[in-house]
Amino acid sequence: MTNRLAYFAVMLGAALWGSTGLFVQNLYTYGFTPWEVVAIRLLFSALLITLALGIYRRDLLRFQLKDIPLFIGTGIVSIAFFNYFFFTVMEAASVSLAVVLLYTGPVFVAVMARFIFKEPFTVTKALALLVMVLGCAYTVGMLPLGSESIGIMAILFGIASGFFYALYSIFGKFLSGRYHSLTITAYSLIFGSVFLLFTSPIMSKAHLLTEPGVLLNGLGLALFATVCAYFLYTAGLTYIESSRAAILSIIEPVVAIAIGVLVFGDILSGWQTVGILLIFGAIALTVYGDVLFNMAFPREKKTRTLNE
């Protein structure tokens, strides 16, 4: 896979994540709690991907026992808990606030990747992160003014969602060189779903899972916003830096806004348009920033010696 194709895979995966709200909001109407919605997401997803691999690619279900802690990291520590905090903020406050705080994630990734993987924290990467934060804030209406009253718990839960979201890129990077992206996605979802099966009361509402609306939204959440999204993101993560992948994933709030406009008839304000343009600017900086920076500020040639 070329770098350009890897960038596309990461952005397409993040775009599919942007459809999450469509299914989650519908599941809330059936009386499910955020933790139960996480359980539905992971259970449905684990069943789908395990069934598909069991039929078509059983070889991809092989893994080494020594890597169980890493799969626990991606599936339980990251996916389960980031979804819980994200869905809780979405339910208690707003989708906008949830999205803004979730996208503190790329900042966490950039900092952790600097120390764990020794990834360089370049000027263009720092600028892309800054533009990304501003773009998200404008896109979801937190700027200008920022006069919205926000509770401290919503802020803390939102930042927690960003932190646990960031951990997928870290744990996933360790696994990406050893396994196919489908293997990583499958076992992340399997470990996460087993954990949710025992820690959530979802089985007490098992009768609701056969409702056509629940089944449809659960499958949509599992297939599009989870299995396909994580597969594409993890596939791209194999070929590019985790910090760059995290920044590229900010296409998600743009998709979420687009769904609101096209599906629910939301009106896009001028400031939201500015925010979307800033987000695309951050993506452009991530992909082409280093090239443009080196063109604008070429490294000086080595100084000639006195004998030359």
C-alpha atoms as a PDB file:
ATOM      1  CA  MET A   1       0.000   0.000   0.000  1.00  0.00           C
ATOM      2  CA  THR A   2       1.384   3.421  -0.955  1.00  0.00           C
ATOM      3  CA  ASN A   3       1.403   6.316   1.515  1.00  0.00           C
ATOM      4  CA  ARG A   4      -1.278   8.097  -0.492  1.00  0.00           C
ATOM      5  CA  LEU A   5      -3.532   5.026  -0.397  1.00  0.00           C
ATOM      6  CA  ALA A   6      -2.838   4.674   3.341  1.00  0.00           C
ATOM      7  CA  TYR A   7      -3.934   8.282   3.880  1.00  0.00           C
ATOM      8  CA  PHE A   8      -7.119   7.573   1.924  1.00  0.00           C
ATOM      9  CA  ALA A   9      -7.836   4.396   3.945  1.00  0.00           C
ATOM     10  CA  VAL A  10      -7.449   6.260   7.245  1.00  0.00           C
ATOM     11  CA  MET A  11      -9.728   9.101   6.125  1.00  0.00           C
ATOM     12  CA  LEU A  12     -12.357   6.735   4.725  1.00  0.00           C
ATOM     13  CA  GLY A  13     -12.359   4.779   7.979  1.00  0.00           C
ATOM     14  CA  ALA A  14     -12.783   8.001   9.954  1.00  0.00           C
ATOM     15  CA  ALA A  15     -15.560   9.100   7.588  1.00  0.00           C
ATOM     16  CA  LEU A  16     -17.430   5.895   8.408  1.00  0.00           C
ATOM     17  CA  TRP A  17     -16.967   6.678  12.110  1.00  0.00           C
ATOM     18  CA  GLY A  18     -18.770   9.912  11.361  1.00  0.00           C
ATOM     19  CA  SER A  19     -21.966   7.922  10.748  1.00  0.00           C
ATOM     20  CA  THR A  20     -21.993   6.629  14.346  1.00  0.00           C
ATOM     21  CA  GLY A  21     -24.440   9.250  15.604  1.00  0.00           C
ATOM     22  CA  LEU A  22     -27.081   8.145  13.106  1.00  0.00           C
ATOM     23  CA  PHE A  23     -27.355   4.720  14.696  1.00  0.00           C
ATOM     24  CA  VAL A  24     -26.619   5.654  18.316  1.00  0.00           C
ATOM     25  CA  GLN A  25     -29.336   8.301  18.571  1.00  0.00           C
ATOM     26  CA  ASN A  26     -31.878   5.815  17.184  1.00  0.00           C
ATOM     27  CA  LEU A  27     -30.833   3.159  19.707  1.00  0.00           C
ATOM     28  CA  TYR A  28     -31.337   5.609  22.578  1.00  0.00           C
ATOM     29  CA  THR A  29     -35.020   5.828  21.643  1.00  0.00           C
ATOM     30  CA  TYR A  30     -35.413   2.179  22.703  1.00  0.00           C
ATOM     31  CA  GLY A  31     -34.250   2.977  26.235  1.00  0.00           C
ATOM     32  CA  PHE A  32     -30.660   1.742  26.044  1.00  0.00           C
ATOM     33  CA  THR A  33     -27.986   3.386  28.217  1.00  0.00           C
ATOM     34  CA  PRO A  34     -24.598   4.492  26.808  1.00  0.00           C
ATOM     35  CA  TRP A  35     -22.859   1.402  28.243  1.00  0.00           C
ATOM     36  CA  GLU A  36     -25.520  -0.834  26.690  1.00  0.00           C
ATOM     37  CA  VAL A  37     -25.140   0.880  23.317  1.00  0.00           C
ATOM     38  CA  VAL A  38     -21.395   0.212  23.513  1.00  0.00           C
ATOM     39  CA  ALA A  39     -22.247  -3.438  24.212  1.00  0.00           C
ATOM     40  CA  ILE A  40     -24.545  -3.579  21.173  1.00  0.00           C
ATOM     41  CA  ARG A  41     -21.878  -2.006  19.000  1.00  0.00           C
ATOM     42  CA  LEU A  42     -19.152  -4.431  20.024  1.00  0.00           C
ATOM     43  CA  LEU A  43     -21.291  -7.581  20.212  1.00  0.00           C
ATOM     44  CA  PHE A  44     -22.824  -7.084  16.777  1.00  0.00           C
ATOM     45  CA  SER A  45     -19.435  -6.125  15.319  1.00  0.00           C
ATOM     46  CA  ALA A  46     -17.599  -9.099  16.828  1.00  0.00           C
ATOM     47  CA  LEU A  47     -20.232 -11.515  15.537  1.00  0.00           C
ATOM     48  CA  LEU A  48     -20.119 -10.068  12.017  1.00  0.00           C
ATOM     49  CA  ILE A  49     -16.359 -10.068  11.602  1.00  0.00           C
ATOM     50  CA  THR A  50     -15.840 -13.470  13.257  1.00  0.00           C
ATOM     51  CA  LEU A  51     -18.485 -15.037  11.048  1.00  0.00           C
ATOM     52  CA  ALA A  52     -16.981 -13.490   7.901  1.00  0.00           C
ATOM     53  CA  LEU A  53     -13.427 -14.543   8.724  1.00  0.00           C
ATOM     54  CA  GLY A  54     -14.567 -18.004   9.827  1.00  0.00           C
ATOM     55  CA  ILE A  55     -16.114 -18.547   6.401  1.00  0.00           C
ATOM     56  CA  TYR A  56     -13.625 -16.828   4.097  1.00  0.00           C
ATOM     57  CA  ARG A  57     -10.276 -16.347   5.905  1.00  0.00           C
ATOM     58  CA  ARG A  58      -9.794 -18.673   8.850  1.00  0.00           C
ATOM     59  CA  ASP A  59      -6.048 -18.116   8.654  1.00  0.00           C
ATOM     60  CA  LEU A  60      -6.593 -14.534   9.825  1.00  0.00           C
ATOM     61  CA  LEU A  61      -8.048 -15.780  13.107  1.00  0.00           C
ATOM     62  CA  ARG A  62      -4.661 -17.064  14.267  1.00  0.00           C
ATOM     63  CA  PHE A  63      -2.826 -15.002  16.858  1.00  0.00           C
ATOM     64  CA  GLN A  64      -0.100 -15.438  19.469  1.00  0.00           C
ATOM     65  CA  LEU A  65      -1.034 -15.626  23.151  1.00  0.00           C
ATOM     66  CA  LYS A  66       1.732 -13.169  24.048  1.00  0.00           C
ATOM     67  CA  ASP A  67      -0.176 -10.443  22.179  1.00  0.00           C
ATOM     68  CA  ILE A  68      -3.348 -10.775  24.279  1.00  0.00           C
ATOM     69  CA  PRO A  69      -2.413  -7.711  26.409  1.00  0.00           C
ATOM     70  CA  LEU A  70      -2.222  -5.602  23.233  1.00  0.00           C
ATOM     71  CA  PHE A  71      -5.624  -6.832  22.016  1.00  0.00           C
ATOM     72  CA  ILE A  72      -7.011  -6.055  25.469  1.00  0.00           C
ATOM     73  CA  GLY A  73      -5.509  -2.597  24.993  1.00  0.00           C
ATOM     74  CA  THR A  74      -7.207  -1.980  21.655  1.00  0.00           C
ATOM     75  CA  GLY A  75     -10.496  -3.714  22.458  1.00  0.00           C
ATOM     76  CA  ILE A  76     -11.176  -2.992  26.126  1.00  0.00           C
ATOM     77  CA  VAL A  77      -8.956  -0.127  27.259  1.00  0.00           C
ATOM     78  CA  SER A  78      -9.469   1.873  24.056  1.00  0.00           C
ATOM     79  CA  ILE A  79     -12.628   0.933  22.133  1.00  0.00           C
ATOM     80  CA  ALA A  80     -14.892   0.053  25.076  1.00  0.00           C
ATOM     81  CA  PHE A  81     -14.009   3.006  27.279  1.00  0.00           C
ATOM     82  CA  PHE A  82     -13.697   5.696  24.619  1.00  0.00           C
ATOM     83  CA  ASN A  83     -17.138   4.724  23.339  1.00  0.00           C
ATOM     84  CA  TYR A  84     -18.582   4.850  26.840  1.00  0.00           C
ATOM     85  CA  PHE A  85     -17.269   8.341  27.603  1.00  0.00           C
ATOM     86  CA  PHE A  86     -18.126   9.568  24.087  1.00  0.00           C
ATOM     87  CA  PHE A  87     -21.709   8.262  24.193  1.00  0.00           C
ATOM     88  CA  THR A  88     -22.198   9.578  27.738  1.00  0.00           C
ATOM     89  CA  VAL A  89     -21.250  13.128  26.733  1.00  0.00           C
ATOM     90  CA  MET A  90     -23.444  12.773  23.642  1.00  0.00           C
ATOM     91  CA  GLU A  91     -26.424  11.805  25.805  1.00  0.00           C
ATOM     92  CA  ALA A  92     -25.833  14.224  28.699  1.00  0.00           C
ATOM     93  CA  ALA A  93     -24.712  17.321  26.785  1.00  0.00           C
ATOM     94  CA  SER A  94     -24.650  17.371  22.999  1.00  0.00           C
ATOM     95  CA  VAL A  95     -23.156  15.656  19.976  1.00  0.00           C
ATOM     96  CA  SER A  96     -21.215  18.844  19.225  1.00  0.00           C
ATOM     97  CA  LEU A  97     -19.493  18.934  22.601  1.00  0.00           C
ATOM     98  CA  ALA A  98     -18.807  15.192  22.431  1.00  0.00           C
ATOM     99  CA  VAL A  99     -17.117  15.558  19.039  1.00  0.00           C
ATOM    100  CA  VAL A 100     -15.004  18.561  20.064  1.00  0.00           C
ATOM    101  CA  LEU A 101     -13.671  16.872  23.184  1.00  0.00           C
ATOM    102  CA  LEU A 102     -13.176  13.518  21.452  1.00  0.00           C
ATOM    103  CA  TYR A 103     -10.797  15.250  19.063  1.00  0.00           C
ATOM    104  CA  THR A 104      -8.390  16.073  21.815  1.00  0.00           C
ATOM    105  CA  GLY A 105      -7.321  12.525  20.848  1.00  0.00           C
ATOM    106  CA  PRO A 106      -4.835  13.495  18.112  1.00  0.00           C
ATOM    107  CA  VAL A 107      -3.033  15.726  20.608  1.00  0.00           C
ATOM    108  CA  PHE A 108      -2.635  12.786  23.005  1.00  0.00           C
ATOM    109  CA  VAL A 109      -1.467  10.575  20.117  1.00  0.00           C
ATOM    110  CA  ALA A 110       1.127  13.094  18.924  1.00  0.00           C
ATOM    111  CA  VAL A 111       2.574  13.481  22.427  1.00  0.00           C
ATOM    112  CA  MET A 112       2.597   9.745  23.250  1.00  0.00           C
ATOM    113  CA  ALA A 113       3.971   8.765  19.825  1.00  0.00           C
ATOM    114  CA  ARG A 114       6.834  11.227  20.325  1.00  0.00           C
ATOM    115  CA  PHE A 115       8.014   9.325  23.404  1.00  0.00           C
ATOM    116  CA  ILE A 116       6.914   5.758  22.592  1.00  0.00           C
ATOM    117  CA  PHE A 117       7.714   5.495  18.869  1.00  0.00           C
ATOM    118  CA  LYS A 118      10.179   8.411  18.667  1.00  0.00           C
ATOM    119  CA  GLU A 119       8.019   9.987  15.959  1.00  0.00           C
ATOM    120  CA  PRO A 120       9.255  13.524  15.231  1.00  0.00           C
ATOM    121  CA  PHE A 121       7.039  16.355  16.465  1.00  0.00           C
ATOM    122  CA  THR A 122       7.551  18.618  13.463  1.00  0.00           C
ATOM    123  CA  VAL A 123       6.510  22.225  12.972  1.00  0.00           C
ATOM    124  CA  THR A 124       3.945  21.203  10.358  1.00  0.00           C
ATOM    125  CA  LYS A 125       2.510  18.524  12.648  1.00  0.00           C
ATOM    126  CA  ALA A 126       2.137  21.026  15.499  1.00  0.00           C
ATOM    127  CA  LEU A 127       0.504  23.511  13.110  1.00  0.00           C
ATOM    128  CA  ALA A 128      -1.858  20.791  11.810  1.00  0.00           C
ATOM    129  CA  LEU A 129      -2.908  19.968  15.380  1.00  0.00           C
ATOM    130  CA  LEU A 130      -3.604  23.636  16.124  1.00  0.00           C
ATOM    131  CA  VAL A 131      -5.615  24.096  12.924  1.00  0.00           C
ATOM    132  CA  MET A 132      -7.462  20.838  13.688  1.00  0.00           C
ATOM    133  CA  VAL A 133      -8.535  22.005  17.167  1.00  0.00           C
ATOM    134  CA  LEU A 134      -9.733  25.359  15.814  1.00  0.00           C
ATOM    135  CA  GLY A 135     -11.530  23.685  12.912  1.00  0.00           C
ATOM    136  CA  CYS A 136     -13.400  21.280  15.194  1.00  0.00           C
ATOM    137  CA  ALA A 137     -14.381  24.103  17.541  1.00  0.00           C
ATOM    138  CA  TYR A 138     -15.826  26.199  14.701  1.00  0.00           C
ATOM    139  CA  THR A 139     -17.463  23.226  12.989  1.00  0.00           C
ATOM    140  CA  VAL A 140     -19.510  22.173  16.005  1.00  0.00           C
ATOM    141  CA  GLY A 141     -20.324  25.709  17.145  1.00  0.00           C
ATOM    142  CA  MET A 142     -18.008  26.069  20.148  1.00  0.00           C
ATOM    143  CA  LEU A 143     -16.434  29.114  18.488  1.00  0.00           C
ATOM    144  CA  PRO A 144     -16.737  32.054  18.152  1.00  0.00           C
ATOM    145  CA  LEU A 145     -17.413  33.389  21.651  1.00  0.00           C
ATOM    146  CA  GLY A 146     -17.569  29.979  23.383  1.00  0.00           C
ATOM    147  CA  SER A 147     -20.394  31.194  25.578  1.00  0.00           C
ATOM    148  CA  GLU A 148     -21.953  27.742  25.985  1.00  0.00           C
ATOM    149  CA  SER A 149     -22.236  26.662  29.643  1.00  0.00           C
ATOM    150  CA  ILE A 150     -20.469  23.337  30.034  1.00  0.00           C
ATOM    151  CA  GLY A 151     -20.446  21.189  33.174  1.00  0.00           C
ATOM    152  CA  ILE A 152     -17.120  20.050  34.601  1.00  0.00           C
ATOM    153  CA  MET A 153     -18.082  16.352  34.390  1.00  0.00           C
ATOM    154  CA  ALA A 154     -18.969  16.690  30.710  1.00  0.00           C
ATOM    155  CA  ILE A 155     -15.554  18.241  30.064  1.00  0.00           C
ATOM    156  CA  LEU A 156     -13.725  15.544  32.040  1.00  0.00           C
ATOM    157  CA  PHE A 157     -15.670  12.732  30.354  1.00  0.00           C
ATOM    158  CA  GLY A 158     -15.055  14.313  26.950  1.00  0.00           C
ATOM    159  CA  ILE A 159     -11.303  14.592  27.525  1.00  0.00           C
ATOM    160  CA  ALA A 160     -11.329  10.981  28.782  1.00  0.00           C
ATOM    161  CA  SER A 161     -12.980   9.926  25.510  1.00  0.00           C
ATOM    162  CA  GLY A 162     -10.170  11.646  23.592  1.00  0.00           C
ATOM    163  CA  PHE A 163      -7.494   9.957  25.695  1.00  0.00           C
ATOM    164  CA  PHE A 164      -8.918   6.430  25.341  1.00  0.00           C
ATOM    165  CA  TYR A 165      -9.591   7.083  21.648  1.00  0.00           C
ATOM    166  CA  ALA A 166      -5.910   7.976  21.253  1.00  0.00           C
ATOM    167  CA  LEU A 167      -4.803   4.701  22.821  1.00  0.00           C
ATOM    168  CA  TYR A 168      -6.120   2.712  19.835  1.00  0.00           C
ATOM    169  CA  SER A 169      -3.491   4.313  17.611  1.00  0.00           C
ATOM    170  CA  ILE A 170      -0.791   3.477  20.165  1.00  0.00           C
ATOM    171  CA  PHE A 171      -1.747  -0.153  20.855  1.00  0.00           C
ATOM    172  CA  GLY A 172      -2.683  -0.646  17.193  1.00  0.00           C
ATOM    173  CA  LYS A 173       0.744   0.538  16.045  1.00  0.00           C
ATOM    174  CA  PHE A 174       2.421  -2.242  18.051  1.00  0.00           C
ATOM    175  CA  LEU A 175       0.135  -4.827  16.424  1.00  0.00           C
ATOM    176  CA  SER A 176       0.045  -3.441  12.887  1.00  0.00           C
ATOM    177  CA  GLY A 177       3.443  -4.839  11.904  1.00  0.00           C
ATOM    178  CA  ARG A 178       2.583  -8.352  13.100  1.00  0.00           C
ATOM    179  CA  TYR A 179      -0.979  -8.981  11.940  1.00  0.00           C
ATOM    180  CA  HIS A 180      -3.362  -8.293   9.088  1.00  0.00           C
ATOM    181  CA  SER A 181      -5.625  -5.324   9.818  1.00  0.00           C
ATOM    182  CA  LEU A 182      -8.664  -7.651   9.818  1.00  0.00           C
ATOM    183  CA  THR A 183      -7.049  -9.775  12.544  1.00  0.00           C
ATOM    184  CA  ILE A 184      -6.404  -6.725  14.695  1.00  0.00           C
ATOM    185  CA  THR A 185      -9.940  -5.442  14.158  1.00  0.00           C
ATOM    186  CA  ALA A 186     -11.484  -8.842  14.870  1.00  0.00           C
ATOM    187  CA  TYR A 187      -9.718  -9.532  18.152  1.00  0.00           C
ATOM    188  CA  SER A 188     -10.077  -5.968  19.356  1.00  0.00           C
ATOM    189  CA  LEU A 189     -13.834  -6.317  18.921  1.00  0.00           C
ATOM    190  CA  ILE A 190     -13.936  -9.846  20.351  1.00  0.00           C
ATOM    191  CA  PHE A 191     -12.086  -8.908  23.542  1.00  0.00           C
ATOM    192  CA  GLY A 192     -14.135  -5.741  23.881  1.00  0.00           C
ATOM    193  CA  SER A 193     -17.444  -7.557  23.374  1.00  0.00           C
ATOM    194  CA  VAL A 194     -16.629 -10.274  25.927  1.00  0.00           C
ATOM    195  CA  PHE A 195     -15.791  -7.551  28.453  1.00  0.00           C
ATOM    196  CA  LEU A 196     -19.066  -5.711  27.748  1.00  0.00           C
ATOM    197  CA  LEU A 197     -21.058  -8.946  27.888  1.00  0.00           C
ATOM    198  CA  PHE A 198     -20.053  -9.411  31.520  1.00  0.00           C
ATOM    199  CA  THR A 199     -20.027  -5.764  32.639  1.00  0.00           C
ATOM    200  CA  SER A 200     -23.246  -4.453  31.072  1.00  0.00           C
ATOM    201  CA  PRO A 201     -26.874  -5.482  31.694  1.00  0.00           C
ATOM    202  CA  ILE A 202     -27.488  -5.909  27.971  1.00  0.00           C
ATOM    203  CA  MET A 203     -28.651  -9.512  28.340  1.00  0.00           C
ATOM    204  CA  SER A 204     -31.531  -8.343  30.545  1.00  0.00           C
ATOM    205  CA  LYS A 205     -32.772  -6.486  27.451  1.00  0.00           C
ATOM    206  CA  ALA A 206     -32.086  -9.327  25.030  1.00  0.00           C
ATOM    207  CA  HIS A 207     -35.737  -9.329  23.937  1.00  0.00           C
ATOM    208  CA  LEU A 208     -35.232  -5.838  22.463  1.00  0.00           C
ATOM    209  CA  LEU A 209     -32.352  -6.993  20.273  1.00  0.00           C
ATOM    210  CA  THR A 210     -34.769  -8.771  17.934  1.00  0.00           C
ATOM    211  CA  GLU A 211     -36.811  -5.613  17.355  1.00  0.00           C
ATOM    212  CA  PRO A 212     -36.481  -4.666  13.656  1.00  0.00           C
ATOM    213  CA  GLY A 213     -35.377  -1.114  14.491  1.00  0.00           C
ATOM    214  CA  VAL A 214     -32.779  -2.259  17.022  1.00  0.00           C
ATOM    215  CA  LEU A 215     -31.531  -4.964  14.693  1.00  0.00           C
ATOM    216  CA  LEU A 216     -31.222  -2.561  11.756  1.00  0.00           C
ATOM    217  CA  ASN A 217     -29.440   0.149  13.714  1.00  0.00           C
ATOM    218  CA  GLY A 218     -27.247  -2.358  15.533  1.00  0.00           C
ATOM    219  CA  LEU A 219     -26.128  -3.947  12.270  1.00  0.00           C
ATOM    220  CA  GLY A 220     -25.534  -0.538  10.660  1.00  0.00           C
ATOM    221  CA  LEU A 221     -23.496   0.593  13.650  1.00  0.00           C
ATOM    222  CA  ALA A 222     -21.541  -2.660  13.567  1.00  0.00           C
ATOM    223  CA  LEU A 223     -20.927  -3.037   9.829  1.00  0.00           C
ATOM    224  CA  PHE A 224     -20.333   0.514   8.629  1.00  0.00           C
ATOM    225  CA  ALA A 225     -19.331   2.583  11.664  1.00  0.00           C
ATOM    226  CA  THR A 226     -17.255  -0.145  13.334  1.00  0.00           C
ATOM    227  CA  VAL A 227     -15.974  -3.152  11.333  1.00  0.00           C
ATOM    228  CA  CYS A 228     -15.324  -1.358   8.032  1.00  0.00           C
ATOM    229  CA  ALA A 229     -14.145   1.807   9.788  1.00  0.00           C
ATOM    230  CA  TYR A 230     -11.630   0.079  12.068  1.00  0.00           C
ATOM    231  CA  PHE A 231     -10.416  -2.199   9.268  1.00  0.00           C
ATOM    232  CA  LEU A 232      -9.648   0.745   6.970  1.00  0.00           C
ATOM    233  CA  TYR A 233      -8.088   2.858   9.736  1.00  0.00           C
ATOM    234  CA  THR A 234      -5.898  -0.014  10.960  1.00  0.00           C
ATOM    235  CA  ALA A 235      -4.861  -0.886   7.385  1.00  0.00           C
ATOM    236  CA  GLY A 236      -3.658   2.681   6.824  1.00  0.00           C
ATOM    237  CA  LEU A 237      -1.997   2.806  10.256  1.00  0.00           C
ATOM    238  CA  THR A 238       0.412   0.085   9.128  1.00  0.00           C
ATOM    239  CA  TYR A 239       2.020   2.440   6.597  1.00  0.00           C
ATOM    240  CA  ILE A 240       1.938   5.891   8.201  1.00  0.00           C
ATOM    241  CA  GLU A 241       2.800   7.435  11.556  1.00  0.00           C
ATOM    242  CA  SER A 242       0.149   7.026  14.249  1.00  0.00           C
ATOM    243  CA  SER A 243       0.159  10.762  14.940  1.00  0.00           C
ATOM    244  CA  ARG A 244      -0.512  11.535  11.260  1.00  0.00           C
ATOM    245  CA  ALA A 245      -3.294   8.938  11.156  1.00  0.00           C
ATOM    246  CA  ALA A 246      -4.906  10.521  14.212  1.00  0.00           C
ATOM    247  CA  ILE A 247      -4.848  13.977  12.628  1.00  0.00           C
ATOM    248  CA  LEU A 248      -6.290  12.630   9.365  1.00  0.00           C
ATOM    249  CA  SER A 249      -9.163  11.052  11.295  1.00  0.00           C
ATOM    250  CA  ILE A 250     -10.596  14.513  11.978  1.00  0.00           C
ATOM    251  CA  ILE A 251     -12.587  14.045   8.777  1.00  0.00           C
ATOM    252  CA  GLU A 252     -15.121  12.374  11.106  1.00  0.00           C
ATOM    253  CA  PRO A 253     -16.767  15.582  12.432  1.00  0.00           C
ATOM    254  CA  VAL A 254     -17.051  16.903   8.872  1.00  0.00           C
ATOM    255  CA  VAL A 255     -18.986  13.774   7.910  1.00  0.00           C
ATOM    256  CA  ALA A 256     -21.135  14.088  11.034  1.00  0.00           C
ATOM    257  CA  ILE A 257     -22.048  17.651  10.075  1.00  0.00           C
ATOM    258  CA  ALA A 258     -22.728  16.615   6.453  1.00  0.00           C
ATOM    259  CA  ILE A 259     -25.112  13.884   7.649  1.00  0.00           C
ATOM    260  CA  GLY A 260     -26.911  16.438   9.759  1.00  0.00           C
ATOM    261  CA  VAL A 261     -27.344  18.737   6.757  1.00  0.00           C
ATOM    262  CA  LEU A 262     -28.267  16.095   4.178  1.00  0.00           C
ATOM    263  CA  VAL A 263     -30.292  13.701   6.340  1.00  0.00           C
ATOM    264  CA  PHE A 264     -31.772  15.848   9.077  1.00  0.00           C
ATOM    265  CA  GLY A 265     -31.971  19.171   7.229  1.00  0.00           C
ATOM    266  CA  ASP A 266     -29.573  21.045   9.507  1.00  0.00           C
ATOM    267  CA  ILE A 267     -28.529  24.482   8.260  1.00  0.00           C
ATOM    268  CA  LEU A 268     -24.765  24.987   7.894  1.00  0.00           C
ATOM    269  CA  SER A 269     -23.667  28.345   9.284  1.00  0.00           C
ATOM    270  CA  GLY A 270     -20.852  30.464   7.950  1.00  0.00           C
ATOM    271  CA  TRP A 271     -18.631  29.649  10.929  1.00  0.00           C
ATOM    272  CA  GLN A 272     -19.224  25.928  10.458  1.00  0.00           C
ATOM    273  CA  THR A 273     -18.100  26.330   6.855  1.00  0.00           C
ATOM    274  CA  VAL A 274     -14.943  28.047   8.133  1.00  0.00           C
ATOM    275  CA  GLY A 275     -14.407  25.137  10.526  1.00  0.00           C
ATOM    276  CA  ILE A 276     -14.755  22.536   7.786  1.00  0.00           C
ATOM    277  CA  LEU A 277     -12.261  24.434   5.617  1.00  0.00           C
ATOM    278  CA  LEU A 278      -9.829  24.543   8.551  1.00  0.00           C
ATOM    279  CA  ILE A 279     -10.203  20.781   9.033  1.00  0.00           C
ATOM    280  CA  PHE A 280      -9.424  20.159   5.384  1.00  0.00           C
ATOM    281  CA  GLY A 281      -6.488  22.515   5.808  1.00  0.00           C
ATOM    282  CA  ALA A 282      -5.220  20.392   8.710  1.00  0.00           C
ATOM    283  CA  ILE A 283      -5.504  17.291   6.536  1.00  0.00           C
ATOM    284  CA  ALA A 284      -3.566  18.996   3.737  1.00  0.00           C
ATOM    285  CA  LEU A 285      -0.872  20.043   6.219  1.00  0.00           C
ATOM    286  CA  THR A 286      -0.606  16.462   7.481  1.00  0.00           C
ATOM    287  CA  VAL A 287      -0.233  14.980   4.004  1.00  0.00           C
ATOM    288  CA  TYR A 288       1.771  17.659   2.196  1.00  0.00           C
ATOM    289  CA  GLY A 289       3.028  19.969   4.958  1.00  0.00           C
ATOM    290  CA  ASP A 290       6.538  18.566   5.310  1.00  0.00           C
ATOM    291  CA  VAL A 291       7.094  18.731   1.552  1.00  0.00           C
ATOM    292  CA  LEU A 292       5.931  22.345   1.376  1.00  0.00           C
ATOM    293  CA  PHE A 293       7.963  23.266   4.478  1.00  0.00           C
ATOM    294  CA  ASN A 294      11.138  21.778   3.001  1.00  0.00           C
ATOM    295  CA  MET A 295      10.500  23.631  -0.262  1.00  0.00           C
ATOM    296  CA  ALA A 296      10.028  26.931   1.556  1.00  0.00           C
ATOM    297  CA  PHE A 297      12.924  26.410   3.990  1.00  0.00           C
ATOM    298  CA  PRO A 298      15.484  24.163   2.292  1.00  0.00           C
ATOM    299  CA  ARG A 299      18.285  22.884   4.455  1.00  0.00           C
ATOM    300  CA  GLU A 300      21.478  24.825   4.031  1.00  0.00           C
ATOM    301  CA  LYS A 301      24.233  23.097   2.140  1.00  0.00           C
ATOM    302  CA  LYS A 302      27.227  22.013   4.125  1.00  0.00           C
ATOM    303  CA  THR A 303      29.822  24.733   4.492  1.00  0.00           C
ATOM    304  CA  ARG A 304      32.835  24.250   2.296  1.00  0.00           C
ATOM    305  CA  THR A 305      36.180  23.638   3.931  1.00  0.00           C
ATOM    306  CA  LEU A 306      39.100  26.089   3.600  1.00  0.00           C
ATOM    307  CA  ASN A 307      40.904  23.742   1.206  1.00  0.00           C
ATOM    308  CA  GLU A 308      38.056  23.789  -1.373  1.00  0.00           C
END
